[in-house]
Amino acid sequence: MKLKEYPVSELPREKALEQGIQSLSNVELLSLLLRTGSKEESVLELSQRVINQAGGLSELPSISYHSLIQIKGIKKAKAITLLASVELAKRLLKSSEPKVTLNHPTKIYQYIINELLFEKQEKVYLLCLNVRLEVIQSKLLFIGSNDVSIMATNEIFQNILLCGAKRFVLVHNHPSGNPYPSKEDIITTKKIKEMAKSLEITLVDHIIIGDNKFYSFEANQVFMNED
């Protein structure tokens, strides 16, 4: 059944205007994003098929671009629109969660450990914080470096300034399992700390994660006599 054959009051856009967006079914909401169907099927039928092939609405957030464009009737523009909508929904949910306060090395470790557990490659995370030490943003910056010295300080501070943070934490893992900082870790951390100070931003801590243990620059007071 073509969309133009539906009663006007049952068309998703008109229904939303008259009865409110909350009155629309999942299929009708999706049809507003897809906008058009094809010669063979209406946008409502296409929407139902997308949901079915995803494995249900609950599975839609995990569908990939490649999987979407395999669905007949879904090309690049529709796939990107769907992925953008899903990503926006994820971010809205995340923004409504209670903010996490990272005011102790152990809290930082607990916050990030699931991202680095069993990792065989070195990864560097930047945790942007507000003045209350609440997490504004967590971002994976680098993968596969030999040590933290590979980090580009310009990229670190670009990200900090973009998210409006006044405090930040660096976290990286040592795949060897030994969390003790290398000479390069110490030199680079000192450089980043000094650059942060010149920008009136505070490096709260640098955490290195090993096998079921971690090293905190702050807890070990590495630079305590330099401020």
N, C-alpha and C. Protein backbone atom coordinates (compact mmCIF):
# COMPACT_ATOMS: atom_id res chain seq x y z
N MET A 1 0.84 -1.20 0.00
CA MET A 1 0.00 0.00 0.00
C MET A 1 0.88 1.25 0.00
N LYS A 2 0.70 2.10 -1.00
CA LYS A 2 1.46 3.32 -1.10
C LYS A 2 1.04 4.30 -0.01
N LEU A 3 1.99 5.15 0.39
CA LEU A 3 1.71 6.09 1.47
C LEU A 3 0.58 7.04 1.10
N LYS A 4 0.50 7.41 -0.17
CA LYS A 4 -0.55 8.34 -0.59
C LYS A 4 -1.94 7.72 -0.52
N GLU A 5 -1.99 6.40 -0.38
CA GLU A 5 -3.28 5.71 -0.28
C GLU A 5 -3.80 5.67 1.16
N TYR A 6 -2.97 6.05 2.12
CA TYR A 6 -3.40 6.08 3.51
C TYR A 6 -4.29 7.30 3.74
N PRO A 7 -5.24 7.22 4.68
CA PRO A 7 -6.00 8.41 5.06
C PRO A 7 -5.03 9.48 5.56
N VAL A 8 -5.31 10.72 5.24
CA VAL A 8 -4.39 11.81 5.63
C VAL A 8 -4.10 11.79 7.12
N SER A 9 -5.11 11.50 7.92
CA SER A 9 -4.94 11.52 9.38
C SER A 9 -4.01 10.41 9.88
N GLU A 10 -3.77 9.40 9.03
CA GLU A 10 -2.92 8.28 9.42
C GLU A 10 -1.49 8.41 8.88
N LEU A 11 -1.23 9.46 8.11
CA LEU A 11 0.14 9.68 7.64
C LEU A 11 1.00 10.11 8.83
N PRO A 12 2.18 9.54 8.97
CA PRO A 12 3.00 9.80 10.16
C PRO A 12 3.20 11.28 10.49
N ARG A 13 3.51 12.09 9.49
CA ARG A 13 3.76 13.51 9.77
C ARG A 13 2.51 14.22 10.27
N GLU A 14 1.39 13.97 9.57
CA GLU A 14 0.13 14.61 9.95
C GLU A 14 -0.35 14.10 11.31
N LYS A 15 -0.15 12.81 11.54
CA LYS A 15 -0.55 12.21 12.82
C LYS A 15 0.25 12.84 13.97
N ALA A 16 1.54 13.05 13.73
CA ALA A 16 2.38 13.67 14.75
C ALA A 16 1.93 15.08 15.06
N LEU A 17 1.55 15.82 14.02
CA LEU A 17 1.11 17.20 14.20
C LEU A 17 -0.21 17.29 14.96
N GLU A 18 -1.12 16.36 14.65
CA GLU A 18 -2.45 16.40 15.25
C GLU A 18 -2.50 15.76 16.64
N GLN A 19 -1.77 14.65 16.81
CA GLN A 19 -1.87 13.89 18.05
C GLN A 19 -0.62 13.91 18.92
N GLY A 20 0.44 14.52 18.41
CA GLY A 20 1.69 14.56 19.16
C GLY A 20 2.64 13.47 18.70
N ILE A 21 3.93 13.77 18.75
CA ILE A 21 4.93 12.82 18.26
C ILE A 21 4.91 11.51 19.05
N GLN A 22 4.49 11.58 20.31
CA GLN A 22 4.46 10.37 21.15
C GLN A 22 3.39 9.37 20.71
N SER A 23 2.46 9.82 19.85
CA SER A 23 1.40 8.93 19.38
C SER A 23 1.88 7.99 18.28
N LEU A 24 3.05 8.26 17.72
CA LEU A 24 3.55 7.45 16.61
C LEU A 24 4.15 6.13 17.09
N SER A 25 3.94 5.11 16.29
CA SER A 25 4.54 3.80 16.58
C SER A 25 6.02 3.85 16.22
N ASN A 26 6.75 2.80 16.58
CA ASN A 26 8.17 2.73 16.23
C ASN A 26 8.38 2.79 14.73
N VAL A 27 7.54 2.08 14.00
CA VAL A 27 7.63 2.06 12.55
C VAL A 27 7.35 3.45 11.97
N GLU A 28 6.37 4.14 12.51
CA GLU A 28 6.03 5.48 12.02
C GLU A 28 7.15 6.48 12.32
N LEU A 29 7.75 6.37 13.49
CA LEU A 29 8.87 7.25 13.82
C LEU A 29 10.04 7.03 12.87
N LEU A 30 10.34 5.77 12.62
CA LEU A 30 11.43 5.44 11.71
C LEU A 30 11.14 5.93 10.30
N SER A 31 9.87 5.87 9.90
CA SER A 31 9.50 6.32 8.55
C SER A 31 9.75 7.80 8.34
N LEU A 32 9.65 8.59 9.43
CA LEU A 32 9.94 10.02 9.32
C LEU A 32 11.41 10.27 9.06
N LEU A 33 12.25 9.39 9.55
CA LEU A 33 13.68 9.52 9.31
C LEU A 33 14.05 9.06 7.89
N LEU A 34 13.43 7.96 7.46
CA LEU A 34 13.73 7.42 6.13
C LEU A 34 13.11 8.25 5.01
N ARG A 35 11.96 8.87 5.31
CA ARG A 35 11.27 9.82 4.42
C ARG A 35 10.60 9.19 3.20
N THR A 36 11.30 8.32 2.48
CA THR A 36 10.72 7.75 1.25
C THR A 36 10.92 6.24 1.20
N GLY A 37 10.01 5.60 0.51
CA GLY A 37 10.14 4.18 0.26
C GLY A 37 10.66 3.96 -1.15
N SER A 38 10.03 3.07 -1.88
CA SER A 38 10.43 2.79 -3.26
C SER A 38 9.19 2.51 -4.10
N LYS A 39 9.38 2.15 -5.34
CA LYS A 39 8.25 1.81 -6.20
C LYS A 39 7.53 0.56 -5.69
N GLU A 40 8.31 -0.31 -5.05
CA GLU A 40 7.74 -1.59 -4.60
C GLU A 40 7.07 -1.51 -3.25
N GLU A 41 7.48 -0.58 -2.39
CA GLU A 41 6.92 -0.53 -1.04
C GLU A 41 6.93 0.89 -0.48
N SER A 42 6.02 1.12 0.44
CA SER A 42 5.92 2.43 1.08
C SER A 42 7.04 2.58 2.11
N VAL A 43 7.24 3.79 2.56
CA VAL A 43 8.25 4.04 3.58
C VAL A 43 7.90 3.33 4.88
N LEU A 44 6.62 3.14 5.14
CA LEU A 44 6.21 2.41 6.34
C LEU A 44 6.60 0.94 6.24
N GLU A 45 6.43 0.38 5.08
CA GLU A 45 6.82 -1.02 4.87
C GLU A 45 8.33 -1.19 4.95
N LEU A 46 9.05 -0.23 4.37
CA LEU A 46 10.51 -0.26 4.44
C LEU A 46 10.97 -0.15 5.90
N SER A 47 10.33 0.72 6.66
CA SER A 47 10.68 0.91 8.07
C SER A 47 10.48 -0.37 8.86
N GLN A 48 9.36 -1.04 8.62
CA GLN A 48 9.07 -2.30 9.31
C GLN A 48 10.12 -3.34 8.95
N ARG A 49 10.54 -3.36 7.69
CA ARG A 49 11.52 -4.34 7.25
C ARG A 49 12.90 -4.06 7.86
N VAL A 50 13.25 -2.79 7.99
CA VAL A 50 14.52 -2.43 8.62
C VAL A 50 14.56 -2.91 10.06
N ILE A 51 13.47 -2.67 10.78
CA ILE A 51 13.40 -3.11 12.18
C ILE A 51 13.48 -4.63 12.28
N ASN A 52 12.76 -5.31 11.39
CA ASN A 52 12.77 -6.78 11.39
C ASN A 52 14.16 -7.33 11.11
N GLN A 53 14.83 -6.75 10.10
CA GLN A 53 16.14 -7.26 9.72
C GLN A 53 17.23 -6.90 10.73
N ALA A 54 16.97 -5.87 11.51
CA ALA A 54 17.92 -5.53 12.58
C ALA A 54 17.78 -6.49 13.75
N GLY A 55 16.63 -7.22 13.79
CA GLY A 55 16.38 -8.13 14.90
C GLY A 55 15.50 -7.53 15.97
N GLY A 56 14.80 -6.45 15.59
CA GLY A 56 13.93 -5.76 16.54
C GLY A 56 14.47 -4.38 16.87
N LEU A 57 13.62 -3.53 17.42
CA LEU A 57 14.02 -2.16 17.73
C LEU A 57 15.20 -2.12 18.70
N SER A 58 15.23 -3.04 19.67
CA SER A 58 16.28 -3.03 20.68
C SER A 58 17.66 -3.31 20.08
N GLU A 59 17.68 -3.93 18.89
CA GLU A 59 18.96 -4.25 18.25
C GLU A 59 19.41 -3.17 17.28
N LEU A 60 18.55 -2.21 17.00
CA LEU A 60 18.89 -1.15 16.05
C LEU A 60 20.12 -0.34 16.45
N PRO A 61 20.32 -0.05 17.77
CA PRO A 61 21.51 0.73 18.15
C PRO A 61 22.84 0.06 17.83
N SER A 62 22.84 -1.25 17.64
CA SER A 62 24.10 -1.95 17.39
C SER A 62 24.33 -2.26 15.92
N ILE A 63 23.41 -1.85 15.05
CA ILE A 63 23.54 -2.16 13.63
C ILE A 63 24.62 -1.29 13.00
N SER A 64 25.37 -1.85 12.08
CA SER A 64 26.48 -1.12 11.45
C SER A 64 26.05 -0.53 10.10
N TYR A 65 26.86 0.39 9.62
CA TYR A 65 26.62 1.00 8.31
C TYR A 65 26.59 -0.08 7.23
N HIS A 66 27.56 -1.01 7.30
CA HIS A 66 27.64 -2.07 6.29
C HIS A 66 26.36 -2.92 6.28
N SER A 67 25.85 -3.24 7.48
CA SER A 67 24.62 -4.04 7.56
C SER A 67 23.42 -3.28 7.01
N LEU A 68 23.37 -1.99 7.28
CA LEU A 68 22.24 -1.18 6.81
C LEU A 68 22.16 -1.12 5.29
N ILE A 69 23.31 -0.90 4.64
CA ILE A 69 23.27 -0.75 3.18
C ILE A 69 23.06 -2.08 2.47
N GLN A 70 23.08 -3.17 3.22
CA GLN A 70 22.73 -4.48 2.65
C GLN A 70 21.22 -4.65 2.55
N ILE A 71 20.47 -3.81 3.25
CA ILE A 71 19.02 -3.88 3.24
C ILE A 71 18.49 -3.20 1.98
N LYS A 72 17.70 -3.89 1.22
CA LYS A 72 17.15 -3.32 -0.02
C LYS A 72 16.35 -2.06 0.31
N GLY A 73 16.67 -0.98 -0.38
CA GLY A 73 15.97 0.28 -0.15
C GLY A 73 16.73 1.24 0.74
N ILE A 74 17.82 0.75 1.34
CA ILE A 74 18.65 1.61 2.20
C ILE A 74 19.99 1.86 1.52
N LYS A 75 20.20 3.12 1.18
CA LYS A 75 21.49 3.51 0.59
C LYS A 75 22.21 4.44 1.56
N LYS A 76 23.28 5.05 1.08
CA LYS A 76 24.17 5.81 1.95
C LYS A 76 23.45 6.87 2.78
N ALA A 77 22.63 7.70 2.15
CA ALA A 77 21.98 8.81 2.86
C ALA A 77 21.06 8.32 3.98
N LYS A 78 20.25 7.30 3.68
CA LYS A 78 19.34 6.76 4.70
C LYS A 78 20.12 6.08 5.82
N ALA A 79 21.18 5.36 5.46
CA ALA A 79 21.99 4.66 6.47
C ALA A 79 22.64 5.66 7.43
N ILE A 80 23.20 6.72 6.89
CA ILE A 80 23.86 7.73 7.73
C ILE A 80 22.84 8.45 8.61
N THR A 81 21.65 8.72 8.07
CA THR A 81 20.60 9.36 8.87
C THR A 81 20.21 8.49 10.06
N LEU A 82 20.06 7.18 9.82
CA LEU A 82 19.71 6.26 10.90
C LEU A 82 20.82 6.18 11.94
N LEU A 83 22.06 6.07 11.48
CA LEU A 83 23.18 5.98 12.42
C LEU A 83 23.32 7.26 13.24
N ALA A 84 23.08 8.41 12.60
CA ALA A 84 23.15 9.68 13.32
C ALA A 84 22.07 9.75 14.39
N SER A 85 20.88 9.27 14.08
CA SER A 85 19.77 9.29 15.04
C SER A 85 20.06 8.39 16.23
N VAL A 86 20.61 7.21 15.94
CA VAL A 86 20.96 6.27 17.01
C VAL A 86 22.05 6.86 17.90
N GLU A 87 23.06 7.46 17.29
CA GLU A 87 24.15 8.05 18.06
C GLU A 87 23.66 9.20 18.93
N LEU A 88 22.75 10.02 18.38
CA LEU A 88 22.19 11.13 19.16
C LEU A 88 21.42 10.59 20.37
N ALA A 89 20.65 9.51 20.16
CA ALA A 89 19.89 8.90 21.26
C ALA A 89 20.84 8.39 22.34
N LYS A 90 21.94 7.77 21.93
CA LYS A 90 22.93 7.27 22.89
C LYS A 90 23.51 8.43 23.72
N ARG A 91 23.81 9.53 23.05
CA ARG A 91 24.40 10.68 23.75
C ARG A 91 23.40 11.34 24.69
N LEU A 92 22.13 11.36 24.29
CA LEU A 92 21.11 11.92 25.17
C LEU A 92 20.98 11.09 26.44
N LEU A 93 21.01 9.76 26.27
CA LEU A 93 20.94 8.87 27.43
C LEU A 93 22.15 9.07 28.34
N LYS A 94 23.31 9.19 27.72
CA LYS A 94 24.54 9.36 28.50
C LYS A 94 24.53 10.68 29.26
N SER A 95 23.99 11.73 28.62
CA SER A 95 23.99 13.05 29.26
C SER A 95 23.04 13.11 30.46
N SER A 96 22.07 12.19 30.50
CA SER A 96 21.11 12.18 31.61
C SER A 96 21.60 11.36 32.81
N GLU A 97 22.70 10.63 32.61
CA GLU A 97 23.25 9.83 33.70
C GLU A 97 23.90 10.74 34.74
N PRO A 98 23.88 10.32 36.01
CA PRO A 98 24.57 11.11 37.04
C PRO A 98 26.05 11.26 36.70
N LYS A 99 26.60 12.44 36.90
CA LYS A 99 28.01 12.68 36.59
C LYS A 99 28.90 11.94 37.59
N VAL A 100 30.00 11.41 37.08
CA VAL A 100 30.95 10.68 37.90
C VAL A 100 32.04 11.64 38.37
N THR A 101 32.33 11.63 39.66
CA THR A 101 33.38 12.48 40.22
C THR A 101 34.65 11.67 40.42
N LEU A 102 35.73 12.12 39.78
CA LEU A 102 37.01 11.41 39.87
C LEU A 102 37.96 12.18 40.79
N ASN A 103 37.73 12.05 42.09
CA ASN A 103 38.51 12.80 43.07
C ASN A 103 39.52 11.92 43.82
N HIS A 104 39.77 10.72 43.28
CA HIS A 104 40.74 9.82 43.91
C HIS A 104 41.27 8.87 42.84
N PRO A 105 42.56 8.50 42.90
CA PRO A 105 43.11 7.58 41.89
C PRO A 105 42.33 6.28 41.73
N THR A 106 41.84 5.74 42.83
CA THR A 106 41.08 4.49 42.74
C THR A 106 39.79 4.67 41.95
N LYS A 107 39.16 5.81 42.11
CA LYS A 107 37.93 6.09 41.35
C LYS A 107 38.23 6.20 39.85
N ILE A 108 39.37 6.79 39.53
CA ILE A 108 39.77 6.89 38.12
C ILE A 108 39.98 5.49 37.56
N TYR A 109 40.69 4.67 38.30
CA TYR A 109 40.96 3.29 37.89
C TYR A 109 39.66 2.52 37.66
N GLN A 110 38.74 2.63 38.61
CA GLN A 110 37.46 1.92 38.49
C GLN A 110 36.62 2.43 37.32
N TYR A 111 36.75 3.71 37.03
CA TYR A 111 35.97 4.32 35.94
C TYR A 111 36.43 3.81 34.57
N ILE A 112 37.73 3.61 34.42
CA ILE A 112 38.28 3.33 33.09
C ILE A 112 38.71 1.89 32.86
N ILE A 113 38.78 1.08 33.92
CA ILE A 113 39.38 -0.24 33.79
C ILE A 113 38.70 -1.13 32.75
N ASN A 114 37.38 -1.05 32.64
CA ASN A 114 36.68 -1.91 31.66
C ASN A 114 37.08 -1.62 30.22
N GLU A 115 37.57 -0.41 29.97
CA GLU A 115 38.01 -0.06 28.63
C GLU A 115 39.38 -0.65 28.30
N LEU A 116 40.13 -0.98 29.34
CA LEU A 116 41.52 -1.40 29.13
C LEU A 116 41.81 -2.82 29.58
N LEU A 117 40.81 -3.47 30.16
CA LEU A 117 40.97 -4.84 30.66
C LEU A 117 41.33 -5.78 29.51
N PHE A 118 42.39 -6.56 29.67
CA PHE A 118 42.84 -7.56 28.70
C PHE A 118 43.35 -6.96 27.38
N GLU A 119 43.59 -5.66 27.35
CA GLU A 119 44.09 -5.03 26.13
C GLU A 119 45.53 -5.47 25.85
N LYS A 120 45.80 -5.85 24.61
CA LYS A 120 47.15 -6.25 24.22
C LYS A 120 47.90 -5.11 23.53
N GLN A 121 47.16 -4.04 23.20
CA GLN A 121 47.77 -2.85 22.63
C GLN A 121 47.72 -1.71 23.63
N GLU A 122 48.69 -0.84 23.56
CA GLU A 122 48.67 0.32 24.45
C GLU A 122 47.62 1.31 23.95
N LYS A 123 46.83 1.82 24.88
CA LYS A 123 45.82 2.82 24.56
C LYS A 123 45.95 3.99 25.52
N VAL A 124 45.71 5.17 25.02
CA VAL A 124 45.79 6.38 25.84
C VAL A 124 44.42 7.05 25.86
N TYR A 125 43.88 7.27 27.05
CA TYR A 125 42.58 7.92 27.23
C TYR A 125 42.77 9.30 27.86
N LEU A 126 41.94 10.22 27.42
CA LEU A 126 41.87 11.56 28.01
C LEU A 126 40.52 11.70 28.70
N LEU A 127 40.53 12.01 29.98
CA LEU A 127 39.30 12.24 30.73
C LEU A 127 39.22 13.73 31.04
N CYS A 128 38.26 14.40 30.41
CA CYS A 128 38.06 15.83 30.63
C CYS A 128 37.12 16.03 31.82
N LEU A 129 37.50 16.91 32.74
CA LEU A 129 36.74 17.13 33.96
C LEU A 129 36.39 18.61 34.11
N ASN A 130 35.33 18.88 34.87
CA ASN A 130 35.03 20.25 35.23
C ASN A 130 35.73 20.59 36.55
N VAL A 131 35.48 21.78 37.10
CA VAL A 131 36.19 22.19 38.32
C VAL A 131 35.80 21.34 39.53
N ARG A 132 34.66 20.63 39.45
CA ARG A 132 34.23 19.74 40.53
C ARG A 132 34.76 18.32 40.34
N LEU A 133 35.62 18.16 39.34
CA LEU A 133 36.23 16.85 39.01
C LEU A 133 35.19 15.85 38.50
N GLU A 134 34.11 16.36 37.92
CA GLU A 134 33.10 15.51 37.28
C GLU A 134 33.48 15.30 35.82
N VAL A 135 33.24 14.09 35.32
CA VAL A 135 33.61 13.75 33.95
C VAL A 135 32.71 14.49 32.94
N ILE A 136 33.35 15.24 32.07
CA ILE A 136 32.64 15.89 30.96
C ILE A 136 32.69 15.01 29.72
N GLN A 137 33.88 14.45 29.50
CA GLN A 137 34.06 13.62 28.30
C GLN A 137 35.21 12.65 28.52
N SER A 138 35.03 11.45 27.99
CA SER A 138 36.09 10.45 27.99
C SER A 138 36.42 10.12 26.55
N LYS A 139 37.68 10.23 26.17
CA LYS A 139 38.03 10.03 24.76
C LYS A 139 39.29 9.19 24.61
N LEU A 140 39.20 8.20 23.73
CA LEU A 140 40.37 7.40 23.35
C LEU A 140 41.17 8.23 22.35
N LEU A 141 42.42 8.55 22.72
CA LEU A 141 43.23 9.43 21.87
C LEU A 141 44.19 8.67 20.97
N PHE A 142 44.84 7.64 21.51
CA PHE A 142 45.87 6.95 20.75
C PHE A 142 45.81 5.44 21.00
N ILE A 143 46.20 4.68 19.99
CA ILE A 143 46.25 3.23 20.10
C ILE A 143 47.57 2.73 19.55
N GLY A 144 48.19 1.80 20.29
CA GLY A 144 49.33 1.09 19.75
C GLY A 144 50.66 1.78 19.86
N SER A 145 50.79 2.80 20.71
CA SER A 145 52.08 3.46 20.89
C SER A 145 52.99 2.59 21.76
N ASN A 146 54.29 2.82 21.64
CA ASN A 146 55.24 2.05 22.46
C ASN A 146 55.33 2.59 23.88
N ASP A 147 55.08 3.87 24.03
CA ASP A 147 55.03 4.49 25.35
C ASP A 147 54.26 5.79 25.22
N VAL A 148 53.96 6.40 26.35
CA VAL A 148 53.11 7.57 26.35
C VAL A 148 53.76 8.76 25.67
N SER A 149 55.08 8.72 25.43
CA SER A 149 55.77 9.84 24.80
C SER A 149 55.30 10.06 23.37
N ILE A 150 54.64 9.06 22.79
CA ILE A 150 54.14 9.19 21.42
C ILE A 150 52.99 10.19 21.34
N MET A 151 52.40 10.51 22.50
CA MET A 151 51.25 11.41 22.52
C MET A 151 51.61 12.78 21.99
N ALA A 152 50.77 13.32 21.12
CA ALA A 152 50.96 14.67 20.61
C ALA A 152 50.27 15.63 21.57
N THR A 153 51.07 16.47 22.24
CA THR A 153 50.50 17.37 23.23
C THR A 153 49.49 18.33 22.62
N ASN A 154 49.72 18.73 21.38
CA ASN A 154 48.77 19.64 20.73
C ASN A 154 47.39 19.02 20.64
N GLU A 155 47.34 17.73 20.27
CA GLU A 155 46.05 17.05 20.15
C GLU A 155 45.37 16.91 21.51
N ILE A 156 46.16 16.65 22.54
CA ILE A 156 45.60 16.54 23.89
C ILE A 156 44.91 17.84 24.28
N PHE A 157 45.61 18.95 24.11
CA PHE A 157 45.05 20.23 24.56
C PHE A 157 43.96 20.76 23.64
N GLN A 158 44.00 20.39 22.38
CA GLN A 158 42.89 20.75 21.48
C GLN A 158 41.60 20.12 21.98
N ASN A 159 41.67 18.85 22.37
CA ASN A 159 40.49 18.15 22.88
C ASN A 159 40.02 18.72 24.21
N ILE A 160 40.97 19.07 25.07
CA ILE A 160 40.61 19.65 26.37
C ILE A 160 39.88 20.98 26.17
N LEU A 161 40.40 21.82 25.30
CA LEU A 161 39.80 23.14 25.06
C LEU A 161 38.45 23.01 24.37
N LEU A 162 38.32 22.04 23.47
CA LEU A 162 37.05 21.85 22.76
C LEU A 162 35.92 21.47 23.71
N CYS A 163 36.22 20.68 24.74
CA CYS A 163 35.16 20.27 25.66
C CYS A 163 35.03 21.22 26.86
N GLY A 164 35.84 22.27 26.88
CA GLY A 164 35.71 23.28 27.92
C GLY A 164 36.16 22.83 29.29
N ALA A 165 37.07 21.88 29.34
CA ALA A 165 37.52 21.34 30.63
C ALA A 165 38.55 22.25 31.29
N LYS A 166 38.55 22.29 32.61
CA LYS A 166 39.55 23.01 33.40
C LYS A 166 40.47 22.04 34.14
N ARG A 167 40.08 20.77 34.15
CA ARG A 167 40.87 19.72 34.78
C ARG A 167 40.89 18.53 33.81
N PHE A 168 41.92 17.72 33.90
CA PHE A 168 41.94 16.52 33.05
C PHE A 168 42.81 15.44 33.66
N VAL A 169 42.55 14.21 33.23
CA VAL A 169 43.32 13.04 33.66
C VAL A 169 43.78 12.30 32.42
N LEU A 170 45.00 11.82 32.44
CA LEU A 170 45.49 10.94 31.38
C LEU A 170 45.55 9.52 31.93
N VAL A 171 45.16 8.58 31.10
CA VAL A 171 45.23 7.16 31.49
C VAL A 171 45.80 6.38 30.32
N HIS A 172 46.77 5.54 30.60
CA HIS A 172 47.19 4.59 29.56
C HIS A 172 47.57 3.27 30.21
N ASN A 173 47.60 2.24 29.42
CA ASN A 173 47.90 0.90 29.93
C ASN A 173 49.27 0.44 29.46
N HIS A 174 49.85 -0.45 30.22
CA HIS A 174 51.09 -1.14 29.83
C HIS A 174 50.74 -2.60 29.57
N PRO A 175 50.69 -3.02 28.32
CA PRO A 175 50.35 -4.42 28.01
C PRO A 175 51.27 -5.43 28.68
N SER A 176 52.47 -4.99 29.07
CA SER A 176 53.41 -5.88 29.76
C SER A 176 52.88 -6.31 31.12
N GLY A 177 51.93 -5.52 31.67
CA GLY A 177 51.38 -5.82 32.98
C GLY A 177 52.02 -5.04 34.10
N ASN A 178 53.18 -4.44 33.84
CA ASN A 178 53.89 -3.64 34.84
C ASN A 178 53.46 -2.18 34.72
N PRO A 179 52.79 -1.63 35.73
CA PRO A 179 52.28 -0.27 35.61
C PRO A 179 53.29 0.82 35.93
N TYR A 180 54.50 0.43 36.35
CA TYR A 180 55.47 1.45 36.76
C TYR A 180 55.88 2.29 35.56
N PRO A 181 55.93 3.62 35.71
CA PRO A 181 56.22 4.50 34.57
C PRO A 181 57.65 4.35 34.05
N SER A 182 57.76 4.42 32.72
CA SER A 182 59.08 4.43 32.11
C SER A 182 59.66 5.83 32.22
N LYS A 183 60.92 5.98 31.86
CA LYS A 183 61.56 7.29 31.86
C LYS A 183 60.81 8.23 30.93
N GLU A 184 60.40 7.70 29.78
CA GLU A 184 59.66 8.51 28.81
C GLU A 184 58.30 8.93 29.34
N ASP A 185 57.64 8.03 30.09
CA ASP A 185 56.35 8.36 30.71
C ASP A 185 56.51 9.58 31.61
N ILE A 186 57.56 9.57 32.41
CA ILE A 186 57.80 10.65 33.38
C ILE A 186 58.11 11.97 32.66
N ILE A 187 58.98 11.90 31.66
CA ILE A 187 59.36 13.11 30.91
C ILE A 187 58.15 13.72 30.21
N THR A 188 57.37 12.87 29.57
CA THR A 188 56.21 13.37 28.83
C THR A 188 55.15 13.92 29.76
N THR A 189 54.92 13.24 30.88
CA THR A 189 53.93 13.72 31.84
C THR A 189 54.33 15.08 32.40
N LYS A 190 55.61 15.25 32.67
CA LYS A 190 56.11 16.54 33.17
C LYS A 190 55.87 17.63 32.14
N LYS A 191 56.16 17.33 30.88
CA LYS A 191 55.96 18.30 29.79
C LYS A 191 54.49 18.71 29.69
N ILE A 192 53.58 17.71 29.77
CA ILE A 192 52.14 17.98 29.67
C ILE A 192 51.67 18.79 30.87
N LYS A 193 52.17 18.46 32.05
CA LYS A 193 51.79 19.18 33.26
C LYS A 193 52.19 20.66 33.17
N GLU A 194 53.41 20.91 32.67
CA GLU A 194 53.90 22.28 32.54
C GLU A 194 53.10 23.07 31.51
N MET A 195 52.78 22.42 30.40
CA MET A 195 51.99 23.08 29.36
C MET A 195 50.59 23.39 29.87
N ALA A 196 50.02 22.46 30.63
CA ALA A 196 48.68 22.68 31.20
C ALA A 196 48.69 23.88 32.13
N LYS A 197 49.73 23.96 32.96
CA LYS A 197 49.83 25.07 33.92
C LYS A 197 49.89 26.41 33.20
N SER A 198 50.61 26.45 32.07
CA SER A 198 50.71 27.69 31.30
C SER A 198 49.37 28.11 30.69
N LEU A 199 48.47 27.14 30.52
CA LEU A 199 47.14 27.41 29.96
C LEU A 199 46.08 27.54 31.06
N GLU A 200 46.53 27.51 32.32
CA GLU A 200 45.64 27.58 33.48
C GLU A 200 44.65 26.41 33.50
N ILE A 201 45.17 25.25 33.13
CA ILE A 201 44.43 24.00 33.18
C ILE A 201 45.21 23.05 34.09
N THR A 202 44.52 22.18 34.80
CA THR A 202 45.20 21.32 35.77
C THR A 202 45.20 19.86 35.33
N LEU A 203 46.39 19.28 35.29
CA LEU A 203 46.51 17.83 35.13
C LEU A 203 46.29 17.23 36.51
N VAL A 204 45.15 16.60 36.71
CA VAL A 204 44.79 16.04 38.02
C VAL A 204 45.63 14.81 38.33
N ASP A 205 45.82 13.96 37.34
CA ASP A 205 46.59 12.73 37.57
C ASP A 205 46.91 12.08 36.23
N HIS A 206 47.89 11.23 36.26
CA HIS A 206 48.20 10.35 35.13
C HIS A 206 48.24 8.95 35.70
N ILE A 207 47.33 8.12 35.23
CA ILE A 207 47.21 6.75 35.73
C ILE A 207 47.75 5.78 34.69
N ILE A 208 48.60 4.86 35.14
CA ILE A 208 49.08 3.80 34.26
C ILE A 208 48.54 2.48 34.80
N ILE A 209 47.89 1.74 33.90
CA ILE A 209 47.23 0.50 34.31
C ILE A 209 48.01 -0.72 33.84
N GLY A 210 48.22 -1.65 34.78
CA GLY A 210 48.87 -2.93 34.47
C GLY A 210 47.91 -4.07 34.75
N ASP A 211 48.44 -5.20 35.16
CA ASP A 211 47.61 -6.37 35.47
C ASP A 211 47.04 -6.25 36.88
N ASN A 212 45.75 -5.91 36.97
CA ASN A 212 45.04 -5.80 38.25
C ASN A 212 45.70 -4.83 39.22
N LYS A 213 46.43 -3.86 38.69
CA LYS A 213 47.04 -2.84 39.53
C LYS A 213 47.28 -1.60 38.69
N PHE A 214 47.56 -0.50 39.36
CA PHE A 214 47.79 0.74 38.63
C PHE A 214 48.80 1.61 39.35
N TYR A 215 49.34 2.56 38.61
CA TYR A 215 50.28 3.54 39.17
C TYR A 215 49.67 4.92 38.99
N SER A 216 49.68 5.72 40.06
CA SER A 216 49.16 7.08 40.03
C SER A 216 50.30 8.07 40.25
N PHE A 217 50.50 8.98 39.30
CA PHE A 217 51.51 10.02 39.48
C PHE A 217 51.17 10.90 40.68
N GLU A 218 49.88 11.18 40.87
CA GLU A 218 49.45 12.03 41.97
C GLU A 218 49.68 11.34 43.31
N ALA A 219 49.29 10.08 43.42
CA ALA A 219 49.45 9.35 44.69
C ALA A 219 50.92 9.20 45.06
N ASN A 220 51.77 9.08 44.04
CA ASN A 220 53.20 8.94 44.28
C ASN A 220 53.94 10.27 44.34
N GLN A 221 53.16 11.35 44.22
CA GLN A 221 53.68 12.71 44.39
C GLN A 221 54.93 12.96 43.54
N VAL A 222 54.85 12.53 42.28
CA VAL A 222 56.01 12.59 41.38
C VAL A 222 56.51 14.02 41.19
N PHE A 223 55.58 14.96 41.03
CA PHE A 223 56.00 16.33 40.75
C PHE A 223 55.62 17.29 41.88
N MET A 224 55.46 16.79 43.07
CA MET A 224 54.87 17.60 44.16
C MET A 224 55.70 18.85 44.49
N ASN A 225 57.01 18.81 44.25
CA ASN A 225 57.84 19.94 44.62
C ASN A 225 58.07 20.93 43.48
N GLU A 226 57.33 20.75 42.38
CA GLU A 226 57.58 21.58 41.22
C GLU A 226 56.51 22.62 40.98
N ASP A 227 55.43 22.65 41.76
CA ASP A 227 54.36 23.63 41.56
C ASP A 227 54.71 24.94 42.30
